[in-house]
Amino acid sequence: MILPLILAGNLAAAPPPAPAQATQTTDIVIVARKRKCRVQLKGTLLSDRELDSYAAQWAKGEAVKVHVPSTASYQCLAKIMFRLSDRGVTRAQFIDERTVP
């Protein structure tokens, strides 16, 4: 008899669930130039240090859209994605962009 009252008291005292936060999305583009794999954000190529800084933000739950031109190699894409994964980024949406070779 006491156990159901304790459980009911615990449920009543539990705080209401927090409202779902709108996640912000960042669009990045994989760029392969002169045998280098780079990431472009808002028209600017990112240095390794800048990419690491942004990856720390994205690792906190911000969604990342990765635009992949058809001319980009799988090795380049893998290199960038492994780097982001090492920095804690777990969510990415890939967008295939058909480009003229």
PDB file of N, CA and C in Angstrom:
ATOM      1  N   MET A   1       0.819  -1.189   0.000  1.00  0.00           N
ATOM      2  CA  MET A   1       0.000   0.000   0.000  1.00  0.00           C
ATOM      3  C   MET A   1       0.863   1.254   0.000  1.00  0.00           C
ATOM      4  N   ILE A   2       1.946   1.240   0.730  1.00  0.00           N
ATOM      5  CA  ILE A   2       2.813   2.416   0.800  1.00  0.00           C
ATOM      6  C   ILE A   2       3.613   2.576  -0.492  1.00  0.00           C
ATOM      7  N   LEU A   3       4.020   1.466  -1.104  1.00  0.00           N
ATOM      8  CA  LEU A   3       4.829   1.523  -2.317  1.00  0.00           C
ATOM      9  C   LEU A   3       4.121   2.262  -3.459  1.00  0.00           C
ATOM     10  N   PRO A   4       2.835   2.003  -3.730  1.00  0.00           N
ATOM     11  CA  PRO A   4       2.174   2.768  -4.799  1.00  0.00           C
ATOM     12  C   PRO A   4       2.105   4.265  -4.488  1.00  0.00           C
ATOM     13  N   LEU A   5       1.944   4.641  -3.210  1.00  0.00           N
ATOM     14  CA  LEU A   5       1.908   6.051  -2.847  1.00  0.00           C
ATOM     15  C   LEU A   5       3.261   6.716  -3.076  1.00  0.00           C
ATOM     16  N   ILE A   6       4.331   5.999  -2.780  1.00  0.00           N
ATOM     17  CA  ILE A   6       5.680   6.542  -2.998  1.00  0.00           C
ATOM     18  C   ILE A   6       5.925   6.728  -4.491  1.00  0.00           C
ATOM     19  N   LEU A   7       5.551   5.729  -5.284  1.00  0.00           N
ATOM     20  CA  LEU A   7       5.739   5.842  -6.739  1.00  0.00           C
ATOM     21  C   LEU A   7       4.914   6.988  -7.312  1.00  0.00           C
ATOM     22  N   ALA A   8       3.680   7.135  -6.856  1.00  0.00           N
ATOM     23  CA  ALA A   8       2.837   8.229  -7.338  1.00  0.00           C
ATOM     24  C   ALA A   8       3.424   9.578  -6.941  1.00  0.00           C
ATOM     25  N   GLY A   9       3.990   9.674  -5.747  1.00  0.00           N
ATOM     26  CA  GLY A   9       4.632  10.912  -5.294  1.00  0.00           C
ATOM     27  C   GLY A   9       5.856  11.241  -6.129  1.00  0.00           C
ATOM     28  N   ASN A  10       6.638  10.229  -6.483  1.00  0.00           N
ATOM     29  CA  ASN A  10       7.817  10.455  -7.322  1.00  0.00           C
ATOM     30  C   ASN A  10       7.428  10.927  -8.715  1.00  0.00           C
ATOM     31  N   LEU A  11       6.368  10.352  -9.276  1.00  0.00           N
ATOM     32  CA  LEU A  11       5.928  10.776 -10.604  1.00  0.00           C
ATOM     33  C   LEU A  11       5.395  12.195 -10.585  1.00  0.00           C
ATOM     34  N   ALA A  12       4.695  12.553  -9.522  1.00  0.00           N
ATOM     35  CA  ALA A  12       4.143  13.901  -9.427  1.00  0.00           C
ATOM     36  C   ALA A  12       5.242  14.930  -9.225  1.00  0.00           C
ATOM     37  N   ALA A  13       6.327  14.536  -8.557  1.00  0.00           N
ATOM     38  CA  ALA A  13       7.413  15.471  -8.276  1.00  0.00           C
ATOM     39  C   ALA A  13       8.396  15.596  -9.438  1.00  0.00           C
ATOM     40  N   ALA A  14       8.310  14.694 -10.416  1.00  0.00           N
ATOM     41  CA  ALA A  14       9.248  14.736 -11.537  1.00  0.00           C
ATOM     42  C   ALA A  14       8.997  15.985 -12.369  1.00  0.00           C
ATOM     43  N   PRO A  15      10.062  16.681 -12.774  1.00  0.00           N
ATOM     44  CA  PRO A  15       9.881  17.883 -13.601  1.00  0.00           C
ATOM     45  C   PRO A  15       9.354  17.505 -14.974  1.00  0.00           C
ATOM     46  N   PRO A  16       8.587  18.393 -15.583  1.00  0.00           N
ATOM     47  CA  PRO A  16       8.067  18.087 -16.921  1.00  0.00           C
ATOM     48  C   PRO A  16       9.213  18.014 -17.920  1.00  0.00           C
ATOM     49  N   PRO A  17       9.061  17.201 -18.965  1.00  0.00           N
ATOM     50  CA  PRO A  17      10.140  17.100 -19.956  1.00  0.00           C
ATOM     51  C   PRO A  17      10.376  18.437 -20.639  1.00  0.00           C
ATOM     52  N   ALA A  18      11.648  18.697 -20.915  1.00  0.00           N
ATOM     53  CA  ALA A  18      12.021  19.953 -21.573  1.00  0.00           C
ATOM     54  C   ALA A  18      11.503  19.947 -23.006  1.00  0.00           C
ATOM     55  N   PRO A  19      11.040  21.093 -23.504  1.00  0.00           N
ATOM     56  CA  PRO A  19      10.574  21.138 -24.894  1.00  0.00           C
ATOM     57  C   PRO A  19      11.736  20.876 -25.847  1.00  0.00           C
ATOM     58  N   ALA A  20      11.435  20.227 -26.946  1.00  0.00           N
ATOM     59  CA  ALA A  20      12.473  19.912 -27.925  1.00  0.00           C
ATOM     60  C   ALA A  20      13.025  21.201 -28.521  1.00  0.00           C
ATOM     61  N   GLN A  21      14.343  21.294 -28.515  1.00  0.00           N
ATOM     62  CA  GLN A  21      14.978  22.475 -29.078  1.00  0.00           C
ATOM     63  C   GLN A  21      15.112  22.308 -30.581  1.00  0.00           C
ATOM     64  N   ALA A  22      14.912  23.396 -31.284  1.00  0.00           N
ATOM     65  CA  ALA A  22      15.100  23.376 -32.731  1.00  0.00           C
ATOM     66  C   ALA A  22      16.597  23.300 -33.011  1.00  0.00           C
ATOM     67  N   THR A  23      17.007  22.284 -33.727  1.00  0.00           N
ATOM     68  CA  THR A  23      18.420  22.149 -34.027  1.00  0.00           C
ATOM     69  C   THR A  23      18.769  23.003 -35.232  1.00  0.00           C
ATOM     70  N   GLN A  24      19.900  23.635 -35.131  1.00  0.00           N
ATOM     71  CA  GLN A  24      20.376  24.468 -36.224  1.00  0.00           C
ATOM     72  C   GLN A  24      21.156  23.584 -37.187  1.00  0.00           C
ATOM     73  N   THR A  25      21.082  23.894 -38.455  1.00  0.00           N
ATOM     74  CA  THR A  25      21.767  23.101 -39.463  1.00  0.00           C
ATOM     75  C   THR A  25      22.819  23.949 -40.155  1.00  0.00           C
ATOM     76  N   THR A  26      23.992  23.367 -40.343  1.00  0.00           N
ATOM     77  CA  THR A  26      25.087  24.026 -41.038  1.00  0.00           C
ATOM     78  C   THR A  26      25.358  23.273 -42.329  1.00  0.00           C
ATOM     79  N   ASP A  27      25.491  23.989 -43.431  1.00  0.00           N
ATOM     80  CA  ASP A  27      25.807  23.394 -44.723  1.00  0.00           C
ATOM     81  C   ASP A  27      27.292  23.559 -45.008  1.00  0.00           C
ATOM     82  N   ILE A  28      27.953  22.433 -45.284  1.00  0.00           N
ATOM     83  CA  ILE A  28      29.361  22.479 -45.679  1.00  0.00           C
ATOM     84  C   ILE A  28      29.498  21.779 -47.024  1.00  0.00           C
ATOM     85  N   VAL A  29      30.557  22.108 -47.748  1.00  0.00           N
ATOM     86  CA  VAL A  29      30.811  21.527 -49.059  1.00  0.00           C
ATOM     87  C   VAL A  29      32.198  20.900 -49.040  1.00  0.00           C
ATOM     88  N   ILE A  30      32.300  19.668 -49.527  1.00  0.00           N
ATOM     89  CA  ILE A  30      33.598  19.000 -49.652  1.00  0.00           C
ATOM     90  C   ILE A  30      34.244  19.493 -50.938  1.00  0.00           C
ATOM     91  N   VAL A  31      35.474  19.982 -50.840  1.00  0.00           N
ATOM     92  CA  VAL A  31      36.189  20.531 -51.992  1.00  0.00           C
ATOM     93  C   VAL A  31      37.509  19.787 -52.147  1.00  0.00           C
ATOM     94  N   ALA A  32      37.752  19.266 -53.340  1.00  0.00           N
ATOM     95  CA  ALA A  32      39.011  18.592 -53.636  1.00  0.00           C
ATOM     96  C   ALA A  32      39.745  19.420 -54.681  1.00  0.00           C
ATOM     97  N   ARG A  33      40.836  20.052 -54.258  1.00  0.00           N
ATOM     98  CA  ARG A  33      41.641  20.863 -55.172  1.00  0.00           C
ATOM     99  C   ARG A  33      43.111  20.536 -54.974  1.00  0.00           C
ATOM    100  N   LYS A  34      43.798  20.377 -56.071  1.00  0.00           N
ATOM    101  CA  LYS A  34      45.238  20.128 -56.047  1.00  0.00           C
ATOM    102  C   LYS A  34      45.594  19.026 -55.052  1.00  0.00           C
ATOM    103  N   ARG A  35      44.848  17.937 -55.126  1.00  0.00           N
ATOM    104  CA  ARG A  35      45.081  16.761 -54.286  1.00  0.00           C
ATOM    105  C   ARG A  35      44.930  17.035 -52.798  1.00  0.00           C
ATOM    106  N   LYS A  36      44.173  18.040 -52.445  1.00  0.00           N
ATOM    107  CA  LYS A  36      43.892  18.338 -51.046  1.00  0.00           C
ATOM    108  C   LYS A  36      42.397  18.276 -50.823  1.00  0.00           C
ATOM    109  N   CYS A  37      42.010  17.715 -49.698  1.00  0.00           N
ATOM    110  CA  CYS A  37      40.603  17.665 -49.321  1.00  0.00           C
ATOM    111  C   CYS A  37      40.336  18.806 -48.354  1.00  0.00           C
ATOM    112  N   ARG A  38      39.406  19.637 -48.698  1.00  0.00           N
ATOM    113  CA  ARG A  38      39.089  20.794 -47.859  1.00  0.00           C
ATOM    114  C   ARG A  38      37.592  20.858 -47.641  1.00  0.00           C
ATOM    115  N   VAL A  39      37.208  21.661 -46.674  1.00  0.00           N
ATOM    116  CA  VAL A  39      35.803  21.908 -46.376  1.00  0.00           C
ATOM    117  C   VAL A  39      35.525  23.375 -46.604  1.00  0.00           C
ATOM    118  N   GLN A  40      34.431  23.652 -47.274  1.00  0.00           N
ATOM    119  CA  GLN A  40      34.043  25.026 -47.559  1.00  0.00           C
ATOM    120  C   GLN A  40      32.773  25.331 -46.766  1.00  0.00           C
ATOM    121  N   LEU A  41      32.776  26.463 -46.083  1.00  0.00           N
ATOM    122  CA  LEU A  41      31.628  26.906 -45.304  1.00  0.00           C
ATOM    123  C   LEU A  41      31.315  28.336 -45.695  1.00  0.00           C
ATOM    124  N   LYS A  42      30.107  28.552 -46.208  1.00  0.00           N
ATOM    125  CA  LYS A  42      29.663  29.880 -46.640  1.00  0.00           C
ATOM    126  C   LYS A  42      30.638  30.526 -47.625  1.00  0.00           C
ATOM    127  N   GLY A  43      31.138  29.726 -48.557  1.00  0.00           N
ATOM    128  CA  GLY A  43      32.009  30.254 -49.597  1.00  0.00           C
ATOM    129  C   GLY A  43      33.465  30.400 -49.212  1.00  0.00           C
ATOM    130  N   THR A  44      33.848  30.033 -47.996  1.00  0.00           N
ATOM    131  CA  THR A  44      35.221  30.189 -47.524  1.00  0.00           C
ATOM    132  C   THR A  44      35.815  28.827 -47.183  1.00  0.00           C
ATOM    133  N   LEU A  45      37.019  28.563 -47.692  1.00  0.00           N
ATOM    134  CA  LEU A  45      37.703  27.326 -47.336  1.00  0.00           C
ATOM    135  C   LEU A  45      38.170  27.409 -45.889  1.00  0.00           C
ATOM    136  N   LEU A  46      37.923  26.345 -45.126  1.00  0.00           N
ATOM    137  CA  LEU A  46      38.303  26.323 -43.721  1.00  0.00           C
ATOM    138  C   LEU A  46      39.684  25.706 -43.547  1.00  0.00           C
ATOM    139  N   SER A  47      40.461  26.283 -42.648  1.00  0.00           N
ATOM    140  CA  SER A  47      41.735  25.669 -42.275  1.00  0.00           C
ATOM    141  C   SER A  47      41.435  24.494 -41.346  1.00  0.00           C
ATOM    142  N   ASP A  48      42.441  23.677 -41.064  1.00  0.00           N
ATOM    143  CA  ASP A  48      42.243  22.546 -40.165  1.00  0.00           C
ATOM    144  C   ASP A  48      41.813  23.023 -38.778  1.00  0.00           C
ATOM    145  N   ARG A  49      42.394  24.093 -38.307  1.00  0.00           N
ATOM    146  CA  ARG A  49      42.055  24.636 -36.989  1.00  0.00           C
ATOM    147  C   ARG A  49      40.605  25.140 -36.964  1.00  0.00           C
ATOM    148  N   GLU A  50      40.184  25.821 -38.023  1.00  0.00           N
ATOM    149  CA  GLU A  50      38.805  26.312 -38.093  1.00  0.00           C
ATOM    150  C   GLU A  50      37.816  25.154 -38.165  1.00  0.00           C
ATOM    151  N   LEU A  51      38.167  24.119 -38.938  1.00  0.00           N
ATOM    152  CA  LEU A  51      37.310  22.945 -39.037  1.00  0.00           C
ATOM    153  C   LEU A  51      37.150  22.280 -37.673  1.00  0.00           C
ATOM    154  N   ASP A  52      38.236  22.169 -36.929  1.00  0.00           N
ATOM    155  CA  ASP A  52      38.171  21.577 -35.593  1.00  0.00           C
ATOM    156  C   ASP A  52      37.291  22.410 -34.668  1.00  0.00           C
ATOM    157  N   SER A  53      37.355  23.725 -34.788  1.00  0.00           N
ATOM    158  CA  SER A  53      36.536  24.611 -33.969  1.00  0.00           C
ATOM    159  C   SER A  53      35.053  24.425 -34.284  1.00  0.00           C
ATOM    160  N   TYR A  54      34.715  24.394 -35.558  1.00  0.00           N
ATOM    161  CA  TYR A  54      33.324  24.176 -35.946  1.00  0.00           C
ATOM    162  C   TYR A  54      32.861  22.776 -35.560  1.00  0.00           C
ATOM    163  N   ALA A  55      33.739  21.785 -35.698  1.00  0.00           N
ATOM    164  CA  ALA A  55      33.378  20.410 -35.345  1.00  0.00           C
ATOM    165  C   ALA A  55      33.007  20.308 -33.873  1.00  0.00           C
ATOM    166  N   ALA A  56      33.665  21.079 -33.022  1.00  0.00           N
ATOM    167  CA  ALA A  56      33.319  21.079 -31.597  1.00  0.00           C
ATOM    168  C   ALA A  56      31.890  21.588 -31.394  1.00  0.00           C
ATOM    169  N   GLN A  57      31.470  22.568 -32.177  1.00  0.00           N
ATOM    170  CA  GLN A  57      30.094  23.070 -32.099  1.00  0.00           C
ATOM    171  C   GLN A  57      29.110  22.026 -32.624  1.00  0.00           C
ATOM    172  N   TRP A  58      29.449  21.405 -33.747  1.00  0.00           N
ATOM    173  CA  TRP A  58      28.562  20.424 -34.351  1.00  0.00           C
ATOM    174  C   TRP A  58      28.426  19.191 -33.470  1.00  0.00           C
ATOM    175  N   ALA A  59      29.453  18.869 -32.703  1.00  0.00           N
ATOM    176  CA  ALA A  59      29.417  17.693 -31.840  1.00  0.00           C
ATOM    177  C   ALA A  59      28.397  17.849 -30.715  1.00  0.00           C
ATOM    178  N   LYS A  60      27.990  19.074 -30.443  1.00  0.00           N
ATOM    179  CA  LYS A  60      27.010  19.320 -29.380  1.00  0.00           C
ATOM    180  C   LYS A  60      25.581  19.068 -29.848  1.00  0.00           C
ATOM    181  N   GLY A  61      25.412  18.555 -31.050  1.00  0.00           N
ATOM    182  CA  GLY A  61      24.092  18.183 -31.529  1.00  0.00           C
ATOM    183  C   GLY A  61      23.603  18.951 -32.734  1.00  0.00           C
ATOM    184  N   GLU A  62      24.379  19.888 -33.215  1.00  0.00           N
ATOM    185  CA  GLU A  62      23.963  20.645 -34.389  1.00  0.00           C
ATOM    186  C   GLU A  62      24.088  19.756 -35.619  1.00  0.00           C
ATOM    187  N   ALA A  63      23.064  19.764 -36.439  1.00  0.00           N
ATOM    188  CA  ALA A  63      23.075  18.934 -37.643  1.00  0.00           C
ATOM    189  C   ALA A  63      23.977  19.553 -38.710  1.00  0.00           C
ATOM    190  N   VAL A  64      24.630  18.702 -39.472  1.00  0.00           N
ATOM    191  CA  VAL A  64      25.530  19.152 -40.532  1.00  0.00           C
ATOM    192  C   VAL A  64      25.056  18.541 -41.839  1.00  0.00           C
ATOM    193  N   LYS A  65      24.880  19.381 -42.856  1.00  0.00           N
ATOM    194  CA  LYS A  65      24.574  18.898 -44.203  1.00  0.00           C
ATOM    195  C   LYS A  65      25.862  18.960 -45.006  1.00  0.00           C
ATOM    196  N   VAL A  66      26.268  17.825 -45.527  1.00  0.00           N
ATOM    197  CA  VAL A  66      27.507  17.731 -46.289  1.00  0.00           C
ATOM    198  C   VAL A  66      27.150  17.645 -47.761  1.00  0.00           C
ATOM    199  N   HIS A  67      27.456  18.700 -48.501  1.00  0.00           N
ATOM    200  CA  HIS A  67      27.219  18.722 -49.940  1.00  0.00           C
ATOM    201  C   HIS A  67      28.423  18.068 -50.610  1.00  0.00           C
ATOM    202  N   VAL A  68      28.170  17.022 -51.354  1.00  0.00           N
ATOM    203  CA  VAL A  68      29.246  16.255 -51.978  1.00  0.00           C
ATOM    204  C   VAL A  68      29.124  16.375 -53.491  1.00  0.00           C
ATOM    205  N   PRO A  69      30.005  17.160 -54.129  1.00  0.00           N
ATOM    206  CA  PRO A  69      29.993  17.231 -55.588  1.00  0.00           C
ATOM    207  C   PRO A  69      30.335  15.872 -56.190  1.00  0.00           C
ATOM    208  N   SER A  70      29.790  15.589 -57.351  1.00  0.00           N
ATOM    209  CA  SER A  70      30.057  14.299 -57.983  1.00  0.00           C
ATOM    210  C   SER A  70      31.527  14.146 -58.354  1.00  0.00           C
ATOM    211  N   THR A  71      32.274  15.245 -58.402  1.00  0.00           N
ATOM    212  CA  THR A  71      33.701  15.168 -58.736  1.00  0.00           C
ATOM    213  C   THR A  71      34.573  14.859 -57.522  1.00  0.00           C
ATOM    214  N   ALA A  72      34.016  14.890 -56.318  1.00  0.00           N
ATOM    215  CA  ALA A  72      34.807  14.599 -55.115  1.00  0.00           C
ATOM    216  C   ALA A  72      35.028  13.098 -55.001  1.00  0.00           C
ATOM    217  N   SER A  73      36.222  12.717 -54.556  1.00  0.00           N
ATOM    218  CA  SER A  73      36.544  11.301 -54.437  1.00  0.00           C
ATOM    219  C   SER A  73      36.044  10.758 -53.091  1.00  0.00           C
ATOM    220  N   TYR A  74      35.850   9.444 -53.051  1.00  0.00           N
ATOM    221  CA  TYR A  74      35.425   8.811 -51.805  1.00  0.00           C
ATOM    222  C   TYR A  74      36.506   8.934 -50.736  1.00  0.00           C
ATOM    223  N   GLN A  75      37.777   8.890 -51.149  1.00  0.00           N
ATOM    224  CA  GLN A  75      38.865   9.035 -50.182  1.00  0.00           C
ATOM    225  C   GLN A  75      38.823  10.401 -49.526  1.00  0.00           C
ATOM    226  N   CYS A  76      38.526  11.417 -50.300  1.00  0.00           N
ATOM    227  CA  CYS A  76      38.443  12.775 -49.769  1.00  0.00           C
ATOM    228  C   CYS A  76      37.282  12.879 -48.778  1.00  0.00           C
ATOM    229  N   LEU A  77      36.127  12.370 -49.178  1.00  0.00           N
ATOM    230  CA  LEU A  77      34.965  12.395 -48.304  1.00  0.00           C
ATOM    231  C   LEU A  77      35.233  11.611 -47.022  1.00  0.00           C
ATOM    232  N   ALA A  78      35.841  10.443 -47.155  1.00  0.00           N
ATOM    233  CA  ALA A  78      36.139   9.625 -45.981  1.00  0.00           C
ATOM    234  C   ALA A  78      37.106  10.344 -45.044  1.00  0.00           C
ATOM    235  N   LYS A  79      38.114  10.991 -45.600  1.00  0.00           N
ATOM    236  CA  LYS A  79      39.096  11.710 -44.786  1.00  0.00           C
ATOM    237  C   LYS A  79      38.414  12.791 -43.948  1.00  0.00           C
ATOM    238  N   ILE A  80      37.548  13.566 -44.578  1.00  0.00           N
ATOM    239  CA  ILE A  80      36.847  14.641 -43.871  1.00  0.00           C
ATOM    240  C   ILE A  80      35.907  14.061 -42.822  1.00  0.00           C
ATOM    241  N   MET A  81      35.158  13.031 -43.178  1.00  0.00           N
ATOM    242  CA  MET A  81      34.186  12.472 -42.240  1.00  0.00           C
ATOM    243  C   MET A  81      34.867  11.786 -41.056  1.00  0.00           C
ATOM    244  N   PHE A  82      35.994  11.122 -41.284  1.00  0.00           N
ATOM    245  CA  PHE A  82      36.724  10.535 -40.159  1.00  0.00           C
ATOM    246  C   PHE A  82      37.258  11.631 -39.246  1.00  0.00           C
ATOM    247  N   ARG A  83      37.702  12.720 -39.813  1.00  0.00           N
ATOM    248  CA  ARG A  83      38.185  13.849 -39.005  1.00  0.00           C
ATOM    249  C   ARG A  83      37.049  14.406 -38.139  1.00  0.00           C
ATOM    250  N   LEU A  84      35.867  14.593 -38.751  1.00  0.00           N
ATOM    251  CA  LEU A  84      34.718  15.088 -37.990  1.00  0.00           C
ATOM    252  C   LEU A  84      34.302  14.083 -36.918  1.00  0.00           C
ATOM    253  N   SER A  85      34.327  12.811 -37.256  1.00  0.00           N
ATOM    254  CA  SER A  85      33.962  11.779 -36.287  1.00  0.00           C
ATOM    255  C   SER A  85      34.925  11.766 -35.104  1.00  0.00           C
ATOM    256  N   ASP A  86      36.204  11.946 -35.369  1.00  0.00           N
ATOM    257  CA  ASP A  86      37.193  12.000 -34.290  1.00  0.00           C
ATOM    258  C   ASP A  86      36.939  13.181 -33.361  1.00  0.00           C
ATOM    259  N   ARG A  87      36.290  14.231 -33.875  1.00  0.00           N
ATOM    260  CA  ARG A  87      35.987  15.432 -33.066  1.00  0.00           C
ATOM    261  C   ARG A  87      34.615  15.337 -32.418  1.00  0.00           C
ATOM    262  N   GLY A  88      33.909  14.212 -32.585  1.00  0.00           N
ATOM    263  CA  GLY A  88      32.646  13.998 -31.891  1.00  0.00           C
ATOM    264  C   GLY A  88      31.390  14.243 -32.695  1.00  0.00           C
ATOM    265  N   VAL A  89      31.506  14.552 -33.975  1.00  0.00           N
ATOM    266  CA  VAL A  89      30.332  14.775 -34.811  1.00  0.00           C
ATOM    267  C   VAL A  89      29.710  13.417 -35.127  1.00  0.00           C
ATOM    268  N   THR A  90      28.439  13.255 -34.753  1.00  0.00           N
ATOM    269  CA  THR A  90      27.779  11.967 -34.955  1.00  0.00           C
ATOM    270  C   THR A  90      26.625  12.026 -35.941  1.00  0.00           C
ATOM    271  N   ARG A  91      26.199  13.225 -36.310  1.00  0.00           N
ATOM    272  CA  ARG A  91      25.070  13.358 -37.231  1.00  0.00           C
ATOM    273  C   ARG A  91      25.471  14.187 -38.432  1.00  0.00           C
ATOM    274  N   ALA A  92      25.264  13.620 -39.617  1.00  0.00           N
ATOM    275  CA  ALA A  92      25.526  14.352 -40.852  1.00  0.00           C
ATOM    276  C   ALA A  92      24.564  13.852 -41.918  1.00  0.00           C
ATOM    277  N   GLN A  93      24.074  14.776 -42.701  1.00  0.00           N
ATOM    278  CA  GLN A  93      23.189  14.437 -43.815  1.00  0.00           C
ATOM    279  C   GLN A  93      23.955  14.720 -45.099  1.00  0.00           C
ATOM    280  N   PHE A  94      24.034  13.733 -45.978  1.00  0.00           N
ATOM    281  CA  PHE A  94      24.768  13.882 -47.213  1.00  0.00           C
ATOM    282  C   PHE A  94      23.838  14.296 -48.338  1.00  0.00           C
ATOM    283  N   ILE A  95      24.276  15.286 -49.105  1.00  0.00           N
ATOM    284  CA  ILE A  95      23.512  15.777 -50.238  1.00  0.00           C
ATOM    285  C   ILE A  95      24.391  15.633 -51.476  1.00  0.00           C
ATOM    286  N   ASP A  96      23.916  14.832 -52.418  1.00  0.00           N
ATOM    287  CA  ASP A  96      24.667  14.569 -53.647  1.00  0.00           C
ATOM    288  C   ASP A  96      24.414  15.712 -54.620  1.00  0.00           C
ATOM    289  N   GLU A  97      25.472  16.343 -55.056  1.00  0.00           N
ATOM    290  CA  GLU A  97      25.359  17.440 -56.015  1.00  0.00           C
ATOM    291  C   GLU A  97      25.976  16.990 -57.343  1.00  0.00           C
ATOM    292  N   ARG A  98      25.166  16.991 -58.362  1.00  0.00           N
ATOM    293  CA  ARG A  98      25.659  16.636 -59.690  1.00  0.00           C
ATOM    294  C   ARG A  98      26.371  17.852 -60.277  1.00  0.00           C
ATOM    295  N   THR A  99      27.630  17.686 -60.607  1.00  0.00           N
ATOM    296  CA  THR A  99      28.408  18.772 -61.182  1.00  0.00           C
ATOM    297  C   THR A  99      28.946  18.346 -62.532  1.00  0.00           C
ATOM    298  N   VAL A 100      29.239  19.317 -63.352  1.00  0.00           N
ATOM    299  CA  VAL A 100      29.812  19.031 -64.664  1.00  0.00           C
ATOM    300  C   VAL A 100      31.283  18.695 -64.465  1.00  0.00           C
ATOM    301  N   PRO A 101      31.747  17.556 -64.941  1.00  0.00           N
ATOM    302  CA  PRO A 101      33.165  17.190 -64.760  1.00  0.00           C
ATOM    303  C   PRO A 101      34.093  18.118 -65.508  1.00  0.00           C
TER     304      PRO A 101
END
